[in-house]
Amino acid sequence: MQANIDAIKIEIVAQLDCDPKTPPVHIDDKQAAAVLGVKPSTLAVWRSTGRYPLPFVKVGRMVRYRVSDLAEFMARRTVGHTGEVA
């Protein structure tokens, strides 16, 4: 599973067009939404309702997501076919 998470991290960094030698640790909600293919407002709903267990960092009004948490979230939700969680 860790190899899968590491591969997803690499994909996220490439998608964000960041330097792979110095990848970001945290990204904002707009970037996280783009990575997941949802709107930032969807992430706001998930944060407020707890619909999905996606950790985030909040300081005042600022919301940030760890790239590692996004990769783990995506790895947990990867399926081989309907009904099977990897």
PDB file of N, CA and C in Angstrom:
ATOM      1  N   MET A   1       0.828  -1.204   0.000  1.00  0.00           N
ATOM      2  CA  MET A   1       0.000   0.000   0.000  1.00  0.00           C
ATOM      3  C   MET A   1       0.867   1.260   0.000  1.00  0.00           C
ATOM      4  N   GLN A   2       1.997   1.248   0.730  1.00  0.00           N
ATOM      5  CA  GLN A   2       2.852   2.435   0.801  1.00  0.00           C
ATOM      6  C   GLN A   2       3.403   2.808  -0.575  1.00  0.00           C
ATOM      7  N   ALA A   3       3.741   1.801  -1.369  1.00  0.00           N
ATOM      8  CA  ALA A   3       4.244   2.083  -2.720  1.00  0.00           C
ATOM      9  C   ALA A   3       3.175   2.775  -3.547  1.00  0.00           C
ATOM     10  N   ASN A   4       1.917   2.362  -3.373  1.00  0.00           N
ATOM     11  CA  ASN A   4       0.802   2.985  -4.078  1.00  0.00           C
ATOM     12  C   ASN A   4       0.641   4.437  -3.633  1.00  0.00           C
ATOM     13  N   ILE A   5       0.750   4.686  -2.332  1.00  0.00           N
ATOM     14  CA  ILE A   5       0.629   6.051  -1.800  1.00  0.00           C
ATOM     15  C   ILE A   5       1.747   6.931  -2.351  1.00  0.00           C
ATOM     16  N   ASP A   6       2.966   6.396  -2.379  1.00  0.00           N
ATOM     17  CA  ASP A   6       4.093   7.169  -2.919  1.00  0.00           C
ATOM     18  C   ASP A   6       3.873   7.503  -4.395  1.00  0.00           C
ATOM     19  N   ALA A   7       3.337   6.557  -5.152  1.00  0.00           N
ATOM     20  CA  ALA A   7       3.055   6.805  -6.568  1.00  0.00           C
ATOM     21  C   ALA A   7       1.990   7.880  -6.724  1.00  0.00           C
ATOM     22  N   ILE A   8       0.984   7.856  -5.878  1.00  0.00           N
ATOM     23  CA  ILE A   8      -0.077   8.865  -5.934  1.00  0.00           C
ATOM     24  C   ILE A   8       0.478  10.243  -5.579  1.00  0.00           C
ATOM     25  N   LYS A   9       1.373  10.312  -4.594  1.00  0.00           N
ATOM     26  CA  LYS A   9       2.012  11.592  -4.238  1.00  0.00           C
ATOM     27  C   LYS A   9       2.736  12.174  -5.450  1.00  0.00           C
ATOM     28  N   ILE A  10       3.446  11.325  -6.170  1.00  0.00           N
ATOM     29  CA  ILE A  10       4.172  11.778  -7.359  1.00  0.00           C
ATOM     30  C   ILE A  10       3.191  12.310  -8.401  1.00  0.00           C
ATOM     31  N   GLU A  11       2.079  11.618  -8.578  1.00  0.00           N
ATOM     32  CA  GLU A  11       1.052  12.072  -9.526  1.00  0.00           C
ATOM     33  C   GLU A  11       0.478  13.426  -9.108  1.00  0.00           C
ATOM     34  N   ILE A  12       0.229  13.598  -7.799  1.00  0.00           N
ATOM     35  CA  ILE A  12      -0.324  14.866  -7.298  1.00  0.00           C
ATOM     36  C   ILE A  12       0.644  16.010  -7.577  1.00  0.00           C
ATOM     37  N   VAL A  13       1.912  15.811  -7.255  1.00  0.00           N
ATOM     38  CA  VAL A  13       2.925  16.852  -7.466  1.00  0.00           C
ATOM     39  C   VAL A  13       3.020  17.203  -8.953  1.00  0.00           C
ATOM     40  N   ALA A  14       2.956  16.186  -9.828  1.00  0.00           N
ATOM     41  CA  ALA A  14       3.003  16.438 -11.268  1.00  0.00           C
ATOM     42  C   ALA A  14       1.763  17.196 -11.723  1.00  0.00           C
ATOM     43  N   GLN A  15       0.600  16.805 -11.200  1.00  0.00           N
ATOM     44  CA  GLN A  15      -0.652  17.471 -11.580  1.00  0.00           C
ATOM     45  C   GLN A  15      -0.638  18.942 -11.180  1.00  0.00           C
ATOM     46  N   LEU A  16      -0.024  19.242 -10.040  1.00  0.00           N
ATOM     47  CA  LEU A  16       0.046  20.619  -9.561  1.00  0.00           C
ATOM     48  C   LEU A  16       1.174  21.403 -10.235  1.00  0.00           C
ATOM     49  N   ASP A  17       1.942  20.733 -11.096  1.00  0.00           N
ATOM     50  CA  ASP A  17       3.052  21.353 -11.812  1.00  0.00           C
ATOM     51  C   ASP A  17       4.087  21.929 -10.851  1.00  0.00           C
ATOM     52  N   CYS A  18       4.405  21.148  -9.813  1.00  0.00           N
ATOM     53  CA  CYS A  18       5.408  21.540  -8.822  1.00  0.00           C
ATOM     54  C   CYS A  18       6.725  20.844  -9.125  1.00  0.00           C
ATOM     55  N   ASP A  19       7.802  21.387  -8.611  1.00  0.00           N
ATOM     56  CA  ASP A  19       9.113  20.773  -8.769  1.00  0.00           C
ATOM     57  C   ASP A  19       9.157  19.494  -7.925  1.00  0.00           C
ATOM     58  N   PRO A  20       9.370  18.335  -8.552  1.00  0.00           N
ATOM     59  CA  PRO A  20       9.385  17.083  -7.792  1.00  0.00           C
ATOM     60  C   PRO A  20      10.534  16.995  -6.786  1.00  0.00           C
ATOM     61  N   LYS A  21      11.564  17.829  -6.972  1.00  0.00           N
ATOM     62  CA  LYS A  21      12.685  17.825  -6.029  1.00  0.00           C
ATOM     63  C   LYS A  21      12.319  18.527  -4.730  1.00  0.00           C
ATOM     64  N   THR A  22      11.381  19.468  -4.810  1.00  0.00           N
ATOM     65  CA  THR A  22      10.925  20.187  -3.612  1.00  0.00           C
ATOM     66  C   THR A  22       9.399  20.247  -3.615  1.00  0.00           C
ATOM     67  N   PRO A  23       8.752  19.085  -3.452  1.00  0.00           N
ATOM     68  CA  PRO A  23       7.282  19.071  -3.500  1.00  0.00           C
ATOM     69  C   PRO A  23       6.680  19.788  -2.295  1.00  0.00           C
ATOM     70  N   PRO A  24       5.495  20.341  -2.459  1.00  0.00           N
ATOM     71  CA  PRO A  24       4.853  21.013  -1.329  1.00  0.00           C
ATOM     72  C   PRO A  24       4.393  19.988  -0.288  1.00  0.00           C
ATOM     73  N   VAL A  25       4.395  20.403   0.958  1.00  0.00           N
ATOM     74  CA  VAL A  25       3.878  19.549   2.030  1.00  0.00           C
ATOM     75  C   VAL A  25       2.377  19.781   2.158  1.00  0.00           C
ATOM     76  N   HIS A  26       1.978  21.058   2.084  1.00  0.00           N
ATOM     77  CA  HIS A  26       0.567  21.438   2.196  1.00  0.00           C
ATOM     78  C   HIS A  26       0.127  22.155   0.927  1.00  0.00           C
ATOM     79  N   ILE A  27      -1.156  21.970   0.577  1.00  0.00           N
ATOM     80  CA  ILE A  27      -1.733  22.714  -0.536  1.00  0.00           C
ATOM     81  C   ILE A  27      -3.066  23.300  -0.080  1.00  0.00           C
ATOM     82  N   ASP A  28      -3.525  24.330  -0.765  1.00  0.00           N
ATOM     83  CA  ASP A  28      -4.783  24.963  -0.350  1.00  0.00           C
ATOM     84  C   ASP A  28      -5.985  24.167  -0.851  1.00  0.00           C
ATOM     85  N   ASP A  29      -7.163  24.610  -0.441  1.00  0.00           N
ATOM     86  CA  ASP A  29      -8.383  23.858  -0.772  1.00  0.00           C
ATOM     87  C   ASP A  29      -8.674  23.865  -2.276  1.00  0.00           C
ATOM     88  N   LYS A  30      -8.299  24.928  -2.972  1.00  0.00           N
ATOM     89  CA  LYS A  30      -8.530  24.968  -4.422  1.00  0.00           C
ATOM     90  C   LYS A  30      -7.657  23.936  -5.137  1.00  0.00           C
ATOM     91  N   GLN A  31      -6.405  23.839  -4.713  1.00  0.00           N
ATOM     92  CA  GLN A  31      -5.513  22.847  -5.309  1.00  0.00           C
ATOM     93  C   GLN A  31      -5.969  21.431  -4.963  1.00  0.00           C
ATOM     94  N   ALA A  32      -6.367  21.215  -3.720  1.00  0.00           N
ATOM     95  CA  ALA A  32      -6.838  19.889  -3.293  1.00  0.00           C
ATOM     96  C   ALA A  32      -8.081  19.488  -4.083  1.00  0.00           C
ATOM     97  N   ALA A  33      -8.974  20.444  -4.284  1.00  0.00           N
ATOM     98  CA  ALA A  33     -10.190  20.165  -5.048  1.00  0.00           C
ATOM     99  C   ALA A  33      -9.836  19.774  -6.482  1.00  0.00           C
ATOM    100  N   ALA A  34      -8.871  20.472  -7.079  1.00  0.00           N
ATOM    101  CA  ALA A  34      -8.448  20.149  -8.446  1.00  0.00           C
ATOM    102  C   ALA A  34      -7.862  18.745  -8.509  1.00  0.00           C
ATOM    103  N   VAL A  35      -7.073  18.382  -7.522  1.00  0.00           N
ATOM    104  CA  VAL A  35      -6.471  17.044  -7.477  1.00  0.00           C
ATOM    105  C   VAL A  35      -7.552  15.973  -7.407  1.00  0.00           C
ATOM    106  N   LEU A  36      -8.585  16.223  -6.609  1.00  0.00           N
ATOM    107  CA  LEU A  36      -9.643  15.237  -6.415  1.00  0.00           C
ATOM    108  C   LEU A  36     -10.733  15.316  -7.484  1.00  0.00           C
ATOM    109  N   GLY A  37     -10.721  16.376  -8.277  1.00  0.00           N
ATOM    110  CA  GLY A  37     -11.735  16.524  -9.317  1.00  0.00           C
ATOM    111  C   GLY A  37     -13.084  16.956  -8.782  1.00  0.00           C
ATOM    112  N   VAL A  38     -13.071  17.719  -7.694  1.00  0.00           N
ATOM    113  CA  VAL A  38     -14.304  18.247  -7.110  1.00  0.00           C
ATOM    114  C   VAL A  38     -14.168  19.758  -6.973  1.00  0.00           C
ATOM    115  N   LYS A  39     -15.234  20.412  -6.577  1.00  0.00           N
ATOM    116  CA  LYS A  39     -15.195  21.854  -6.354  1.00  0.00           C
ATOM    117  C   LYS A  39     -14.726  22.138  -4.923  1.00  0.00           C
ATOM    118  N   PRO A  40     -14.108  23.304  -4.705  1.00  0.00           N
ATOM    119  CA  PRO A  40     -13.721  23.671  -3.344  1.00  0.00           C
ATOM    120  C   PRO A  40     -14.920  23.672  -2.386  1.00  0.00           C
ATOM    121  N   SER A  41     -16.094  24.013  -2.892  1.00  0.00           N
ATOM    122  CA  SER A  41     -17.291  24.011  -2.040  1.00  0.00           C
ATOM    123  C   SER A  41     -17.647  22.590  -1.596  1.00  0.00           C
ATOM    124  N   THR A  42     -17.333  21.602  -2.429  1.00  0.00           N
ATOM    125  CA  THR A  42     -17.567  20.209  -2.048  1.00  0.00           C
ATOM    126  C   THR A  42     -16.666  19.832  -0.882  1.00  0.00           C
ATOM    127  N   LEU A  43     -15.404  20.255  -0.942  1.00  0.00           N
ATOM    128  CA  LEU A  43     -14.495  19.995   0.182  1.00  0.00           C
ATOM    129  C   LEU A  43     -14.990  20.679   1.454  1.00  0.00           C
ATOM    130  N   ALA A  44     -15.556  21.874   1.316  1.00  0.00           N
ATOM    131  CA  ALA A  44     -16.101  22.575   2.483  1.00  0.00           C
ATOM    132  C   ALA A  44     -17.243  21.776   3.108  1.00  0.00           C
ATOM    133  N   VAL A  45     -18.088  21.197   2.274  1.00  0.00           N
ATOM    134  CA  VAL A  45     -19.184  20.359   2.777  1.00  0.00           C
ATOM    135  C   VAL A  45     -18.620  19.129   3.475  1.00  0.00           C
ATOM    136  N   TRP A  46     -17.633  18.489   2.873  1.00  0.00           N
ATOM    137  CA  TRP A  46     -17.027  17.310   3.492  1.00  0.00           C
ATOM    138  C   TRP A  46     -16.420  17.656   4.843  1.00  0.00           C
ATOM    139  N   ARG A  47     -15.770  18.836   4.927  1.00  0.00           N
ATOM    140  CA  ARG A  47     -15.169  19.252   6.207  1.00  0.00           C
ATOM    141  C   ARG A  47     -16.234  19.472   7.260  1.00  0.00           C
ATOM    142  N   SER A  48     -17.323  20.121   6.888  1.00  0.00           N
ATOM    143  CA  SER A  48     -18.346  20.474   7.881  1.00  0.00           C
ATOM    144  C   SER A  48     -19.210  19.293   8.295  1.00  0.00           C
ATOM    145  N   THR A  49     -19.410  18.346   7.380  1.00  0.00           N
ATOM    146  CA  THR A  49     -20.276  17.207   7.698  1.00  0.00           C
ATOM    147  C   THR A  49     -19.502  15.966   8.127  1.00  0.00           C
ATOM    148  N   GLY A  50     -18.204  15.936   7.828  1.00  0.00           N
ATOM    149  CA  GLY A  50     -17.415  14.746   8.124  1.00  0.00           C
ATOM    150  C   GLY A  50     -17.760  13.585   7.205  1.00  0.00           C
ATOM    151  N   ARG A  51     -18.321  13.882   6.045  1.00  0.00           N
ATOM    152  CA  ARG A  51     -18.760  12.833   5.123  1.00  0.00           C
ATOM    153  C   ARG A  51     -17.629  11.873   4.762  1.00  0.00           C
ATOM    154  N   TYR A  52     -16.452  12.413   4.479  1.00  0.00           N
ATOM    155  CA  TYR A  52     -15.302  11.581   4.167  1.00  0.00           C
ATOM    156  C   TYR A  52     -14.181  11.895   5.153  1.00  0.00           C
ATOM    157  N   PRO A  53     -13.407  10.876   5.541  1.00  0.00           N
ATOM    158  CA  PRO A  53     -12.325  11.088   6.513  1.00  0.00           C
ATOM    159  C   PRO A  53     -11.068  11.654   5.851  1.00  0.00           C
ATOM    160  N   LEU A  54     -11.151  12.891   5.407  1.00  0.00           N
ATOM    161  CA  LEU A  54     -10.022  13.555   4.760  1.00  0.00           C
ATOM    162  C   LEU A  54      -9.479  14.622   5.711  1.00  0.00           C
ATOM    163  N   PRO A  55      -8.340  14.348   6.344  1.00  0.00           N
ATOM    164  CA  PRO A  55      -7.788  15.317   7.300  1.00  0.00           C
ATOM    165  C   PRO A  55      -7.423  16.639   6.623  1.00  0.00           C
ATOM    166  N   PHE A  56      -7.526  17.715   7.385  1.00  0.00           N
ATOM    167  CA  PHE A  56      -7.129  19.032   6.897  1.00  0.00           C
ATOM    168  C   PHE A  56      -6.572  19.832   8.058  1.00  0.00           C
ATOM    169  N   VAL A  57      -5.841  20.885   7.729  1.00  0.00           N
ATOM    170  CA  VAL A  57      -5.264  21.780   8.719  1.00  0.00           C
ATOM    171  C   VAL A  57      -5.985  23.103   8.603  1.00  0.00           C
ATOM    172  N   LYS A  58      -6.442  23.630   9.721  1.00  0.00           N
ATOM    173  CA  LYS A  58      -7.165  24.900   9.699  1.00  0.00           C
ATOM    174  C   LYS A  58      -6.554  25.839  10.725  1.00  0.00           C
ATOM    175  N   VAL A  59      -6.148  26.998  10.253  1.00  0.00           N
ATOM    176  CA  VAL A  59      -5.633  28.052  11.116  1.00  0.00           C
ATOM    177  C   VAL A  59      -6.404  29.311  10.747  1.00  0.00           C
ATOM    178  N   GLY A  60      -7.258  29.757  11.648  1.00  0.00           N
ATOM    179  CA  GLY A  60      -8.128  30.877  11.325  1.00  0.00           C
ATOM    180  C   GLY A  60      -9.038  30.472  10.178  1.00  0.00           C
ATOM    181  N   ARG A  61      -9.026  31.240   9.112  1.00  0.00           N
ATOM    182  CA  ARG A  61      -9.847  30.923   7.935  1.00  0.00           C
ATOM    183  C   ARG A  61      -9.100  30.077   6.912  1.00  0.00           C
ATOM    184  N   MET A  62      -7.792  29.949   7.114  1.00  0.00           N
ATOM    185  CA  MET A  62      -6.958  29.230   6.158  1.00  0.00           C
ATOM    186  C   MET A  62      -7.152  27.715   6.307  1.00  0.00           C
ATOM    187  N   VAL A  63      -7.384  27.055   5.190  1.00  0.00           N
ATOM    188  CA  VAL A  63      -7.522  25.595   5.161  1.00  0.00           C
ATOM    189  C   VAL A  63      -6.428  25.048   4.259  1.00  0.00           C
ATOM    190  N   ARG A  64      -5.709  24.054   4.747  1.00  0.00           N
ATOM    191  CA  ARG A  64      -4.664  23.408   3.972  1.00  0.00           C
ATOM    192  C   ARG A  64      -4.811  21.894   4.093  1.00  0.00           C
ATOM    193  N   TYR A  65      -4.384  21.207   3.059  1.00  0.00           N
ATOM    194  CA  TYR A  65      -4.393  19.745   3.032  1.00  0.00           C
ATOM    195  C   TYR A  65      -2.966  19.261   2.844  1.00  0.00           C
ATOM    196  N   ARG A  66      -2.576  18.231   3.575  1.00  0.00           N
ATOM    197  CA  ARG A  66      -1.267  17.621   3.372  1.00  0.00           C
ATOM    198  C   ARG A  66      -1.342  16.754   2.115  1.00  0.00           C
ATOM    199  N   VAL A  67      -0.333  16.848   1.284  1.00  0.00           N
ATOM    200  CA  VAL A  67      -0.281  16.029   0.077  1.00  0.00           C
ATOM    201  C   VAL A  67      -0.304  14.554   0.467  1.00  0.00           C
ATOM    202  N   SER A  68       0.379  14.203   1.549  1.00  0.00           N
ATOM    203  CA  SER A  68       0.406  12.805   2.007  1.00  0.00           C
ATOM    204  C   SER A  68      -0.991  12.328   2.408  1.00  0.00           C
ATOM    205  N   ASP A  69      -1.778  13.194   3.042  1.00  0.00           N
ATOM    206  CA  ASP A  69      -3.152  12.814   3.424  1.00  0.00           C
ATOM    207  C   ASP A  69      -4.034  12.627   2.193  1.00  0.00           C
ATOM    208  N   LEU A  70      -3.865  13.489   1.197  1.00  0.00           N
ATOM    209  CA  LEU A  70      -4.628  13.330  -0.050  1.00  0.00           C
ATOM    210  C   LEU A  70      -4.268  12.016  -0.734  1.00  0.00           C
ATOM    211  N   ALA A  71      -2.977  11.684  -0.759  1.00  0.00           N
ATOM    212  CA  ALA A  71      -2.538  10.439  -1.392  1.00  0.00           C
ATOM    213  C   ALA A  71      -3.107   9.232  -0.648  1.00  0.00           C
ATOM    214  N   GLU A  72      -3.087   9.262   0.677  1.00  0.00           N
ATOM    215  CA  GLU A  72      -3.643   8.157   1.462  1.00  0.00           C
ATOM    216  C   GLU A  72      -5.153   8.041   1.241  1.00  0.00           C
ATOM    217  N   PHE A  73      -5.834   9.168   1.199  1.00  0.00           N
ATOM    218  CA  PHE A  73      -7.278   9.185   0.954  1.00  0.00           C
ATOM    219  C   PHE A  73      -7.590   8.545  -0.394  1.00  0.00           C
ATOM    220  N   MET A  74      -6.835   8.929  -1.416  1.00  0.00           N
ATOM    221  CA  MET A  74      -7.059   8.390  -2.752  1.00  0.00           C
ATOM    222  C   MET A  74      -6.728   6.895  -2.799  1.00  0.00           C
ATOM    223  N   ALA A  75      -5.676   6.486  -2.116  1.00  0.00           N
ATOM    224  CA  ALA A  75      -5.302   5.068  -2.097  1.00  0.00           C
ATOM    225  C   ALA A  75      -6.383   4.229  -1.419  1.00  0.00           C
ATOM    226  N   ARG A  76      -6.959   4.743  -0.325  1.00  0.00           N
ATOM    227  CA  ARG A  76      -8.020   4.012   0.386  1.00  0.00           C
ATOM    228  C   ARG A  76      -9.280   3.884  -0.462  1.00  0.00           C
ATOM    229  N   ARG A  77      -9.499   4.812  -1.359  1.00  0.00           N
ATOM    230  CA  ARG A  77     -10.721   4.827  -2.152  1.00  0.00           C
ATOM    231  C   ARG A  77     -10.529   4.207  -3.537  1.00  0.00           C
ATOM    232  N   THR A  78      -9.347   3.659  -3.797  1.00  0.00           N
ATOM    233  CA  THR A  78      -9.077   3.021  -5.081  1.00  0.00           C
ATOM    234  C   THR A  78      -9.707   1.632  -5.095  1.00  0.00           C
ATOM    235  N   VAL A  79     -10.472   1.348  -6.145  1.00  0.00           N
ATOM    236  CA  VAL A  79     -11.156   0.062  -6.252  1.00  0.00           C
ATOM    237  C   VAL A  79     -10.764  -0.644  -7.552  1.00  0.00           C
ATOM    238  N   GLY A  80     -10.796  -1.973  -7.500  1.00  0.00           N
ATOM    239  CA  GLY A  80     -10.526  -2.767  -8.686  1.00  0.00           C
ATOM    240  C   GLY A  80     -11.759  -2.922  -9.545  1.00  0.00           C
ATOM    241  N   HIS A  81     -12.890  -3.063  -8.885  1.00  0.00           N
ATOM    242  CA  HIS A  81     -14.197  -3.118  -9.552  1.00  0.00           C
ATOM    243  C   HIS A  81     -15.246  -2.789  -8.522  1.00  0.00           C
ATOM    244  N   THR A  82     -16.466  -2.602  -8.939  1.00  0.00           N
ATOM    245  CA  THR A  82     -17.541  -2.214  -8.047  1.00  0.00           C
ATOM    246  C   THR A  82     -17.646  -3.180  -6.883  1.00  0.00           C
ATOM    247  N   GLY A  83     -17.624  -2.628  -5.680  1.00  0.00           N
ATOM    248  CA  GLY A  83     -17.772  -3.450  -4.484  1.00  0.00           C
ATOM    249  C   GLY A  83     -16.467  -3.903  -3.874  1.00  0.00           C
ATOM    250  N   GLU A  84     -15.345  -3.690  -4.555  1.00  0.00           N
ATOM    251  CA  GLU A  84     -14.057  -4.130  -4.028  1.00  0.00           C
ATOM    252  C   GLU A  84     -13.197  -2.910  -3.701  1.00  0.00           C
ATOM    253  N   VAL A  85     -12.781  -2.816  -2.464  1.00  0.00           N
ATOM    254  CA  VAL A  85     -11.868  -1.744  -2.070  1.00  0.00           C
ATOM    255  C   VAL A  85     -10.485  -2.335  -1.992  1.00  0.00           C
ATOM    256  N   ALA A  86      -9.518  -1.647  -2.623  1.00  0.00           N
ATOM    257  CA  ALA A  86      -8.147  -2.164  -2.669  1.00  0.00           C
ATOM    258  C   ALA A  86      -7.509  -2.147  -1.304  1.00  0.00           C
TER     259      ALA A  86
END
